[in-house]
């Protein structure tokens, strides 16, 4: 058995044995990478200098350095192998060696798997056994190091592979100690250098892309503050389709706040978080924050991966009523409305071909109907930002309306519970209104809504 293997066979933990004053040409013992969480040798963090392998020089005091070259920079892809190089440089030295380990930052346990790519390196386990024969669970920490000193003036480079863990991934840290030796066969006059590098998992989430932003009620490009908005694109969510449901949070005053993130998807407008109502890969619905201006950037972030900015103009108000969308050319033509007497649906007969013909029925002259909209502006009192509507908030002064060219009476307009930023309007159809499809327009806070049709008969 070689001198080195005989020594390793006697070592169970390096903290339990005296320091041995000679060099390890065929590679150092484990735990000499400078990891401050590893066992101490003679009360100091071990880098082979303190362990007694090479003596006479303080760590990082010899005028050289050790570097870790990583193809992925400061990130890694879980489960994807990468080739790492360790470079030790010192203008006064002629022989080179190293030891490197990779640990999870959180608990300092082994992170991934080290492997040699050529005969210049090998990997050993924490008990000194060769990793190729298998590390036991008790001693599964791995150390890659030189098989023999690499000779040459000025610098030496060693290359090996590291495969990150495929699961349980987190921030990892690579510790390395490099030896720049003078090749005189003695343990003195050699220089020890250390460094460490932290790596975080690279995002495996495809980059979201925003291709369009429209009013959530009218589907037009006019959008504004505190308004339902639809965002279209690709990779906008990892969920196949999810509404905010139980995602509201309860405040100390008893109100509930709308969520600003849903299934890992969040949205900002001008840097201010929006309230996320629905997410899917191709569409995200939000209630916009109180942001007004030109060239406002809309950014969708999915699991920390952000889209490029999509610029929009945000108005103080973008009033519109929600519209029926049957799978016909009538989509977005007729306003969603209900008969106030029984809450059945207002619309032309057979609006939805696959549903019963009377799923929607026309409004009658003199009847009061209920409609629902977004973006109609401030109320009295003003509702707190981001909360689910907790009481009635009135639009004041009372809005005005026309149906066709005829004035229609607005009995009520405002926010009502339990909806969030959804305005309800109670509007009376003029008593002398002729039969037909008529455009309804409401003016509130000085702004006029996008028109849609109401069927009267």
Protein backbone atom coordinates (compact mmCIF):
# COMPACT_ATOMS: atom_id res chain seq x y z
CA UNK A 1 0.00 0.00 0.00
CA UNK A 2 1.38 3.45 -0.84
CA UNK A 3 2.31 5.90 1.89
CA UNK A 4 -0.67 8.11 1.00
CA UNK A 5 -3.21 5.29 1.03
CA UNK A 6 -1.78 3.96 4.29
CA UNK A 7 -2.22 7.38 5.86
CA UNK A 8 -5.81 7.72 4.56
CA UNK A 9 -6.69 4.28 5.87
CA UNK A 10 -5.71 5.45 9.35
CA UNK A 11 -7.83 8.62 9.18
CA UNK A 12 -11.52 8.51 10.02
CA UNK A 13 -11.78 12.24 10.73
CA UNK A 14 -8.88 14.61 10.26
CA UNK A 15 -9.77 16.48 13.46
CA UNK A 16 -8.85 13.37 15.44
CA UNK A 17 -5.19 13.09 14.41
CA UNK A 18 -2.04 15.19 14.86
CA UNK A 19 -0.79 17.43 12.09
CA UNK A 20 1.66 15.60 9.85
CA UNK A 21 4.53 17.66 8.49
CA UNK A 22 4.95 16.54 4.89
CA UNK A 23 3.37 17.28 1.54
CA UNK A 24 0.75 15.26 -0.33
CA UNK A 25 2.02 15.04 -3.88
CA UNK A 26 -0.81 12.72 -4.91
CA UNK A 27 -3.48 15.00 -3.52
CA UNK A 28 -4.45 16.36 -0.10
CA UNK A 29 -6.56 14.75 2.58
CA UNK A 30 -10.27 15.73 2.69
CA UNK A 31 -11.54 18.95 4.26
CA UNK A 32 -8.72 21.29 3.21
CA UNK A 33 -10.71 23.60 0.91
CA UNK A 34 -11.06 26.52 3.32
CA UNK A 35 -14.77 25.87 3.99
CA UNK A 36 -15.31 27.69 7.33
CA UNK A 37 -18.07 25.23 8.30
CA UNK A 38 -15.84 22.18 8.00
CA UNK A 39 -14.01 20.59 10.97
CA UNK A 40 -11.17 22.69 12.34
CA UNK A 41 -7.57 21.50 12.39
CA UNK A 42 -5.62 22.73 15.41
CA UNK A 43 -8.36 25.31 15.91
CA UNK A 44 -8.13 26.76 12.41
CA UNK A 45 -9.98 26.39 9.12
CA UNK A 46 -8.01 23.84 7.13
CA UNK A 47 -6.48 24.71 3.73
CA UNK A 48 -3.60 22.21 3.76
CA UNK A 49 -1.34 25.01 4.99
CA UNK A 50 -2.82 24.77 8.48
CA UNK A 51 -3.07 20.98 8.19
CA UNK A 52 0.68 20.82 7.81
CA UNK A 53 0.90 19.66 4.21
CA UNK A 54 2.72 22.81 3.09
CA UNK A 55 4.14 25.15 5.69
CA UNK A 56 5.85 28.49 5.94
CA UNK A 57 3.40 30.74 4.04
CA UNK A 58 0.21 32.43 5.19
CA UNK A 59 -2.92 31.70 3.14
CA UNK A 60 -3.39 34.10 0.20
CA UNK A 61 -0.13 35.86 1.01
CA UNK A 62 2.14 34.63 -1.74
CA UNK A 63 1.43 37.07 -4.57
CA UNK A 64 -0.73 34.70 -6.64
CA UNK A 65 -4.33 33.49 -6.66
CA UNK A 66 -6.71 30.63 -7.37
CA UNK A 67 -9.74 31.03 -9.67
CA UNK A 68 -12.84 28.97 -10.40
CA UNK A 69 -14.01 29.28 -14.01
CA UNK A 70 -17.69 28.42 -14.52
CA UNK A 71 -19.45 28.21 -17.92
CA UNK A 72 -22.77 29.35 -16.46
CA UNK A 73 -21.44 32.33 -14.55
CA UNK A 74 -23.20 32.73 -11.21
CA UNK A 75 -26.02 30.29 -12.06
CA UNK A 76 -26.48 26.60 -12.73
CA UNK A 77 -29.21 24.51 -14.32
CA UNK A 78 -30.41 21.75 -11.95
CA UNK A 79 -29.35 18.33 -13.22
CA UNK A 80 -27.27 19.71 -16.12
CA UNK A 81 -23.57 18.85 -15.95
CA UNK A 82 -21.02 21.61 -16.45
CA UNK A 83 -17.25 21.58 -16.88
CA UNK A 84 -15.37 23.58 -14.27
CA UNK A 85 -11.74 24.72 -14.35
CA UNK A 86 -9.55 25.64 -11.41
CA UNK A 87 -6.59 27.87 -12.26
CA UNK A 88 -3.77 28.43 -9.77
CA UNK A 89 -1.33 31.17 -10.71
CA UNK A 90 1.81 32.48 -9.04
CA UNK A 91 4.74 33.95 -11.01
CA UNK A 92 7.33 32.51 -8.57
CA UNK A 93 6.10 28.90 -8.52
CA UNK A 94 6.46 25.77 -10.70
CA UNK A 95 4.05 23.02 -9.49
CA UNK A 96 0.32 23.09 -8.91
CA UNK A 97 -2.36 21.27 -6.92
CA UNK A 98 -5.81 21.95 -5.50
CA UNK A 99 -8.85 20.64 -3.64
CA UNK A 100 -12.46 21.73 -4.30
CA UNK A 101 -15.82 20.86 -2.78
CA UNK A 102 -19.41 21.95 -3.59
CA UNK A 103 -21.92 22.43 -0.77
CA UNK A 104 -25.46 23.69 -0.29
CA UNK A 105 -25.26 27.11 1.31
CA UNK A 106 -28.19 26.37 3.63
CA UNK A 107 -26.74 23.38 5.50
CA UNK A 108 -23.24 22.77 4.06
CA UNK A 109 -24.18 19.29 2.81
CA UNK A 110 -22.93 17.81 -0.46
CA UNK A 111 -24.43 19.53 -3.53
CA UNK A 112 -24.51 17.45 -6.69
CA UNK A 113 -21.82 15.15 -7.98
CA UNK A 114 -18.15 15.75 -8.86
CA UNK A 115 -16.41 13.65 -11.55
CA UNK A 116 -13.04 13.56 -13.24
CA UNK A 117 -12.75 14.14 -16.98
CA UNK A 118 -9.10 13.07 -17.34
CA UNK A 119 -6.26 11.45 -15.41
CA UNK A 120 -5.07 14.69 -13.79
CA UNK A 121 -7.81 14.69 -11.15
CA UNK A 122 -9.71 12.24 -8.97
CA UNK A 123 -12.59 12.51 -6.49
CA UNK A 124 -12.48 11.19 -2.95
CA UNK A 125 -15.11 10.85 -0.24
CA UNK A 126 -15.05 12.38 3.22
CA UNK A 127 -13.43 9.26 4.71
CA UNK A 128 -10.59 9.36 2.18
CA UNK A 129 -11.93 6.55 -0.01
CA UNK A 130 -11.93 6.93 -3.77
CA UNK A 131 -15.33 8.17 -4.94
CA UNK A 132 -15.31 5.84 -7.95
CA UNK A 133 -15.79 2.96 -5.52
CA UNK A 134 -18.83 4.69 -4.06
CA UNK A 135 -19.18 7.05 -1.09
CA UNK A 136 -21.05 5.71 1.92
CA UNK A 137 -24.02 7.77 3.17
CA UNK A 138 -22.06 8.66 6.30
CA UNK A 139 -19.15 10.08 4.28
CA UNK A 140 -20.85 11.31 1.10
CA UNK A 141 -19.15 14.74 0.97
CA UNK A 142 -16.94 14.84 -2.14
CA UNK A 143 -13.59 16.48 -2.83
CA UNK A 144 -11.95 16.77 -6.26
CA UNK A 145 -8.17 17.26 -6.36
CA UNK A 146 -5.01 16.63 -8.38
CA UNK A 147 -3.80 13.09 -9.07
CA UNK A 148 -0.25 14.42 -9.17
CA UNK A 149 1.23 17.93 -9.21
CA UNK A 150 0.93 19.66 -12.55
CA UNK A 151 4.29 21.14 -13.55
CA UNK A 152 4.93 24.37 -15.41
CA UNK A 153 5.95 27.92 -14.62
CA UNK A 154 3.46 30.65 -13.77
CA UNK A 155 0.15 28.73 -13.55
CA UNK A 156 -1.59 25.37 -13.59
CA UNK A 157 -5.11 24.46 -14.68
CA UNK A 158 -7.28 21.48 -13.69
CA UNK A 159 -10.60 20.61 -15.33
CA UNK A 160 -13.41 18.36 -14.06
CA UNK A 161 -17.21 18.01 -14.18
CA UNK A 162 -19.89 18.93 -11.69
CA UNK A 163 -23.50 17.77 -12.07
CA UNK A 164 -25.85 19.89 -9.95
CA UNK A 165 -28.64 18.17 -8.03
CA UNK A 166 -31.75 17.63 -10.14
CA UNK A 167 -34.05 18.24 -7.17
CA UNK A 168 -33.86 20.06 -3.85
CA UNK A 169 -31.83 22.71 -5.64
CA UNK A 170 -30.85 25.92 -3.94
CA UNK A 171 -27.88 28.24 -3.63
CA UNK A 172 -24.61 26.31 -3.62
CA UNK A 173 -21.10 27.43 -2.79
CA UNK A 174 -17.84 26.13 -4.24
CA UNK A 175 -14.79 26.22 -1.96
CA UNK A 176 -11.30 25.68 -3.35
CA UNK A 177 -7.77 25.78 -1.99
CA UNK A 178 -4.96 25.91 -4.54
CA UNK A 179 -1.31 25.09 -3.93
CA UNK A 180 1.41 26.93 -5.86
CA UNK A 181 4.53 24.91 -5.05
CA UNK A 182 8.20 25.53 -5.76
CA UNK A 183 8.80 21.87 -6.75
CA UNK A 184 11.78 21.41 -4.44
CA UNK A 185 10.36 18.27 -2.81
CA UNK A 186 10.06 20.00 0.56
CA UNK A 187 6.89 21.12 2.43
CA UNK A 188 8.26 24.65 2.82
CA UNK A 189 8.21 27.59 0.43
CA UNK A 190 4.86 26.69 -1.14
CA UNK A 191 1.95 29.15 -1.41
CA UNK A 192 -1.69 28.33 -0.57
CA UNK A 193 -4.56 30.34 -2.07
CA UNK A 194 -8.30 30.07 -1.42
CA UNK A 195 -11.51 31.38 -2.93
CA UNK A 196 -15.21 30.55 -3.03
CA UNK A 197 -18.07 31.17 -5.45
CA UNK A 198 -21.83 31.09 -4.88
CA UNK A 199 -24.19 29.81 -7.57
CA UNK A 200 -27.96 30.08 -7.72
CA UNK A 201 -30.29 27.92 -9.83
CA UNK A 202 -30.99 29.40 -13.24
CA UNK A 203 -34.65 29.86 -13.97
CA UNK A 204 -36.17 27.07 -16.00
CA UNK A 205 -39.34 29.09 -16.54
CA UNK A 206 -39.76 30.20 -20.19
CA UNK A 207 -39.61 33.96 -20.52
CA UNK A 208 -43.12 35.44 -20.57
CA UNK A 209 -44.02 37.60 -23.56
CA UNK A 210 -46.74 40.28 -23.61
CA UNK A 211 -48.34 40.86 -27.01
CA UNK A 212 -51.41 42.93 -26.11
CA UNK A 213 -53.27 44.73 -23.33
CA UNK A 214 -56.99 45.55 -23.55
CA UNK A 215 -59.86 46.78 -21.42
CA UNK A 216 -61.32 43.80 -19.56
CA UNK A 217 -64.89 44.86 -20.27
CA UNK A 218 -64.89 46.32 -23.79
CA UNK A 219 -61.81 44.48 -25.11
CA UNK A 220 -60.72 47.82 -26.57
CA UNK A 221 -57.26 49.35 -26.19
CA UNK A 222 -58.53 52.11 -23.87
CA UNK A 223 -57.42 51.24 -20.35
CA UNK A 224 -57.14 53.22 -17.16
CA UNK A 225 -56.54 53.26 -13.43
CA UNK A 226 -58.49 50.86 -11.19
CA UNK A 227 -59.81 49.03 -14.24
CA UNK A 228 -60.10 45.38 -15.22
CA UNK A 229 -57.52 44.70 -17.91
CA UNK A 230 -56.71 41.66 -20.04
CA UNK A 231 -53.07 40.91 -20.85
CA UNK A 232 -52.36 38.58 -23.77
CA UNK A 233 -49.17 36.77 -24.69
CA UNK A 234 -47.18 33.57 -24.21
CA UNK A 235 -45.78 31.84 -21.11
CA UNK A 236 -47.74 34.19 -18.84
CA UNK A 237 -48.35 31.46 -16.24
CA UNK A 238 -47.37 27.92 -15.36
CA UNK A 239 -51.01 27.29 -14.43
CA UNK A 240 -53.41 26.06 -17.10
CA UNK A 241 -56.04 28.46 -15.75
CA UNK A 242 -56.65 29.77 -12.23
CA UNK A 243 -58.85 32.50 -10.75
CA UNK A 244 -58.16 34.37 -7.55
CA UNK A 245 -60.81 32.37 -5.61
CA UNK A 246 -59.55 32.03 -2.04
CA UNK A 247 -56.37 34.05 -2.63
CA UNK A 248 -57.74 37.14 -0.84
CA UNK A 249 -56.08 38.06 2.46
CA UNK A 250 -57.93 39.42 5.49
CA UNK A 251 -56.83 42.76 6.90
CA UNK A 252 -56.87 43.81 10.55
CA UNK A 253 -59.91 46.05 9.92
CA UNK A 254 -61.93 43.16 8.54
CA UNK A 255 -61.61 44.04 4.85
CA UNK A 256 -60.08 41.66 2.31
CA UNK A 257 -57.26 42.53 -0.10
CA UNK A 258 -57.03 41.37 -3.68
CA UNK A 259 -53.90 39.26 -4.40
CA UNK A 260 -50.94 40.74 -6.25
CA UNK A 261 -49.65 37.30 -7.24
CA UNK A 262 -51.37 34.11 -8.36
CA UNK A 263 -49.65 30.77 -9.00
CA UNK A 264 -46.29 32.53 -9.30
CA UNK A 265 -47.51 35.20 -11.75
CA UNK A 266 -47.43 38.89 -10.86
CA UNK A 267 -47.89 42.07 -12.90
CA UNK A 268 -46.64 45.62 -12.51
CA UNK A 269 -47.70 48.79 -14.32
CA UNK A 270 -45.13 51.54 -14.04
CA UNK A 271 -43.48 49.51 -11.30
CA UNK A 272 -46.66 49.38 -9.18
CA UNK A 273 -48.19 45.93 -8.51
CA UNK A 274 -51.54 45.13 -10.11
CA UNK A 275 -54.16 42.86 -8.54
CA UNK A 276 -54.16 39.49 -10.30
CA UNK A 277 -57.67 38.09 -10.97
CA UNK A 278 -56.92 35.24 -13.39
CA UNK A 279 -53.86 33.56 -14.88
CA UNK A 280 -53.24 31.16 -17.76
CA UNK A 281 -50.37 30.69 -20.23
CA UNK A 282 -52.00 32.94 -22.83
CA UNK A 283 -53.99 35.45 -20.76
CA UNK A 284 -53.77 37.23 -17.43
CA UNK A 285 -56.56 39.43 -16.04
CA UNK A 286 -55.75 42.13 -13.52
CA UNK A 287 -57.22 45.14 -11.78
CA UNK A 288 -54.82 47.97 -12.52
CA UNK A 289 -53.30 50.11 -9.77
CA UNK A 290 -53.91 53.85 -9.58
CA UNK A 291 -51.34 54.72 -12.25
CA UNK A 292 -51.90 57.33 -14.98
CA UNK A 293 -49.69 58.46 -17.87
CA UNK A 294 -48.17 57.69 -21.26
CA UNK A 295 -45.68 54.93 -22.01
CA UNK A 296 -46.49 53.04 -18.82
CA UNK A 297 -44.54 49.72 -18.86
CA UNK A 298 -46.56 46.56 -18.27
CA UNK A 299 -44.34 43.71 -17.02
CA UNK A 300 -45.48 40.17 -16.27
CA UNK A 301 -43.24 38.12 -13.99
CA UNK A 302 -43.55 34.34 -13.72
CA UNK A 303 -41.54 32.62 -10.99
CA UNK A 304 -39.01 35.48 -10.95
CA UNK A 305 -38.66 35.53 -14.75
CA UNK A 306 -39.83 38.89 -16.12
CA UNK A 307 -41.20 39.78 -19.54
CA UNK A 308 -40.00 42.68 -21.62
CA UNK A 309 -41.99 45.84 -20.96
CA UNK A 310 -45.12 46.46 -23.03
CA UNK A 311 -45.98 50.18 -23.10
CA UNK A 312 -49.55 51.43 -22.64
CA UNK A 313 -51.36 54.69 -22.03
CA UNK A 314 -53.22 54.77 -18.72
CA UNK A 315 -56.18 57.16 -18.42
CA UNK A 316 -57.78 58.31 -15.16
CA UNK A 317 -60.93 56.47 -16.34
CA UNK A 318 -61.62 53.83 -18.98
CA UNK A 319 -65.34 53.29 -18.46
CA UNK A 320 -66.91 50.25 -20.11
CA UNK A 321 -69.59 47.64 -19.45
CA UNK A 322 -68.87 43.92 -19.54
CA UNK A 323 -70.17 42.26 -22.70
CA UNK A 324 -71.60 38.91 -23.70
CA UNK A 325 -69.33 36.84 -25.93
CA UNK A 326 -71.19 34.02 -27.65
CA UNK A 327 -69.21 31.92 -30.15
CA UNK A 328 -70.66 33.95 -33.02
CA UNK A 329 -70.17 37.31 -34.68
CA UNK A 330 -72.18 38.78 -31.77
CA UNK A 331 -69.22 38.46 -29.38
CA UNK A 332 -68.59 41.80 -27.60
CA UNK A 333 -71.69 43.35 -29.17
CA UNK A 334 -74.34 43.09 -26.42
CA UNK A 335 -73.87 44.30 -22.85
CA UNK A 336 -74.21 41.85 -19.98
CA UNK A 337 -77.39 42.85 -18.14
CA UNK A 338 -80.07 41.36 -15.89
CA UNK A 339 -83.76 41.92 -15.38
CA UNK A 340 -84.05 43.51 -11.92
CA UNK A 341 -87.26 41.59 -11.16
CA UNK A 342 -85.76 38.08 -11.29
CA UNK A 343 -82.06 38.50 -12.23
CA UNK A 344 -82.51 36.58 -15.47
CA UNK A 345 -80.35 37.66 -18.39
CA UNK A 346 -81.09 40.53 -20.78
CA UNK A 347 -80.27 40.08 -24.45
CA UNK A 348 -81.71 39.09 -27.76
CA UNK A 349 -83.41 35.71 -27.91
CA UNK A 350 -81.09 32.84 -28.90
CA UNK A 351 -77.96 34.92 -28.33
CA UNK A 352 -76.10 31.71 -27.41
CA UNK A 353 -76.99 29.05 -30.02
CA UNK A 354 -75.96 26.15 -27.78
CA UNK A 355 -78.11 27.31 -24.84
CA UNK A 356 -81.90 27.51 -24.48
CA UNK A 357 -83.34 30.31 -26.62
CA UNK A 358 -84.64 32.14 -23.53
CA UNK A 359 -81.25 32.15 -21.75
CA UNK A 360 -81.37 35.85 -22.71
CA UNK A 361 -84.55 37.85 -23.27
CA UNK A 362 -85.08 41.49 -24.34
CA UNK A 363 -85.65 44.32 -21.88
CA UNK A 364 -89.10 45.88 -21.80
CA UNK A 365 -89.86 49.63 -22.10
CA UNK A 366 -90.07 51.17 -18.59
CA UNK A 367 -88.19 48.23 -17.00
CA UNK A 368 -85.14 48.69 -14.78
CA UNK A 369 -82.17 46.52 -15.71
CA UNK A 370 -78.85 45.88 -13.97
CA UNK A 371 -75.50 46.28 -15.73
CA UNK A 372 -71.89 45.78 -14.63
CA UNK A 373 -68.80 47.75 -15.62
CA UNK A 374 -65.28 48.84 -14.83
CA UNK A 375 -63.17 51.99 -14.93
CA UNK A 376 -65.87 54.51 -13.99
CA UNK A 377 -63.69 56.45 -11.58
CA UNK A 378 -63.83 57.73 -8.00
CA UNK A 379 -66.70 57.05 -5.61
CA UNK A 380 -68.04 58.66 -2.46
CA UNK A 381 -66.63 57.64 -0.10
CA UNK A 382 -63.43 56.67 -1.90
CA UNK A 383 -62.72 52.95 -1.61
CA UNK A 384 -59.36 51.91 -0.14
CA UNK A 385 -56.85 50.71 -2.73
CA UNK A 386 -56.81 46.99 -3.41
CA UNK A 387 -59.69 45.83 -1.24
CA UNK A 388 -62.70 43.72 -2.08
CA UNK A 389 -65.75 45.99 -2.05
CA UNK A 390 -67.02 45.89 1.53
CA UNK A 391 -70.01 48.26 1.30
CA UNK A 392 -71.85 50.45 -1.19
CA UNK A 393 -69.71 53.21 -2.71
CA UNK A 394 -71.71 55.75 -4.76
CA UNK A 395 -70.77 57.50 -7.97
CA UNK A 396 -71.50 61.17 -7.33
CA UNK A 397 -73.03 63.07 -8.91
CA UNK A 398 -75.40 60.40 -10.22
CA UNK A 399 -74.30 59.34 -13.72
CA UNK A 400 -76.41 60.06 -16.79
CA UNK A 401 -77.30 57.64 -19.61
CA UNK A 402 -78.71 57.51 -23.11
CA UNK A 403 -80.21 54.52 -24.90
CA UNK A 404 -80.07 55.24 -28.59
CA UNK A 405 -80.88 58.95 -28.63
CA UNK A 406 -83.27 58.75 -25.64
CA UNK A 407 -82.33 59.71 -22.09
CA UNK A 408 -82.44 56.76 -19.68
CA UNK A 409 -82.72 57.17 -15.93
CA UNK A 410 -79.79 55.98 -13.81
CA UNK A 411 -81.39 54.83 -10.56
CA UNK A 412 -78.05 53.80 -9.05
CA UNK A 413 -74.39 53.72 -10.01
CA UNK A 414 -71.49 52.63 -7.82
CA UNK A 415 -69.47 49.82 -6.33
CA UNK A 416 -71.34 47.09 -4.47
CA UNK A 417 -70.16 44.12 -2.41
CA UNK A 418 -68.89 41.47 -2.77
CA UNK A 419 -67.32 42.35 -6.12
CA UNK A 420 -63.88 43.98 -6.45
CA UNK A 421 -63.80 47.19 -8.50
CA UNK A 422 -66.95 46.13 -10.39
CA UNK A 423 -69.52 48.93 -10.79
CA UNK A 424 -73.24 48.15 -10.81
CA UNK A 425 -75.73 50.37 -12.62
CA UNK A 426 -79.51 50.22 -12.25
CA UNK A 427 -80.91 51.88 -15.39
CA UNK A 428 -84.55 52.31 -16.39
CA UNK A 429 -85.39 51.78 -20.06
CA UNK A 430 -87.38 54.78 -21.46
CA UNK A 431 -91.10 54.00 -21.39
CA UNK A 432 -91.55 54.87 -25.07
CA UNK A 433 -88.45 53.00 -26.29
CA UNK A 434 -89.11 51.25 -29.64
CA UNK A 435 -88.19 47.61 -30.14
CA UNK A 436 -84.68 46.94 -31.43
CA UNK A 437 -81.02 46.87 -30.53
CA UNK A 438 -79.97 50.20 -29.01
CA UNK A 439 -76.52 51.46 -27.94
CA UNK A 440 -76.26 52.33 -24.25
CA UNK A 441 -73.82 55.03 -23.12
CA UNK A 442 -73.27 56.19 -19.53
CA UNK A 443 -71.42 59.33 -18.45
CA UNK A 444 -69.82 59.32 -14.98
CA UNK A 445 -67.19 61.60 -13.49
CA UNK A 446 -67.11 63.47 -16.80
CA UNK A 447 -66.13 60.40 -18.84
CA UNK A 448 -68.35 58.47 -21.26
CA UNK A 449 -68.44 54.70 -21.43
CA UNK A 450 -67.70 52.60 -24.49
CA UNK A 451 -71.11 51.80 -26.00
CA UNK A 452 -72.71 48.37 -26.36
CA UNK A 453 -76.13 47.11 -27.36
CA UNK A 454 -79.26 46.48 -25.27
CA UNK A 455 -82.13 44.63 -26.93
CA UNK A 456 -85.58 46.10 -26.23
CA UNK A 457 -88.91 44.53 -27.13
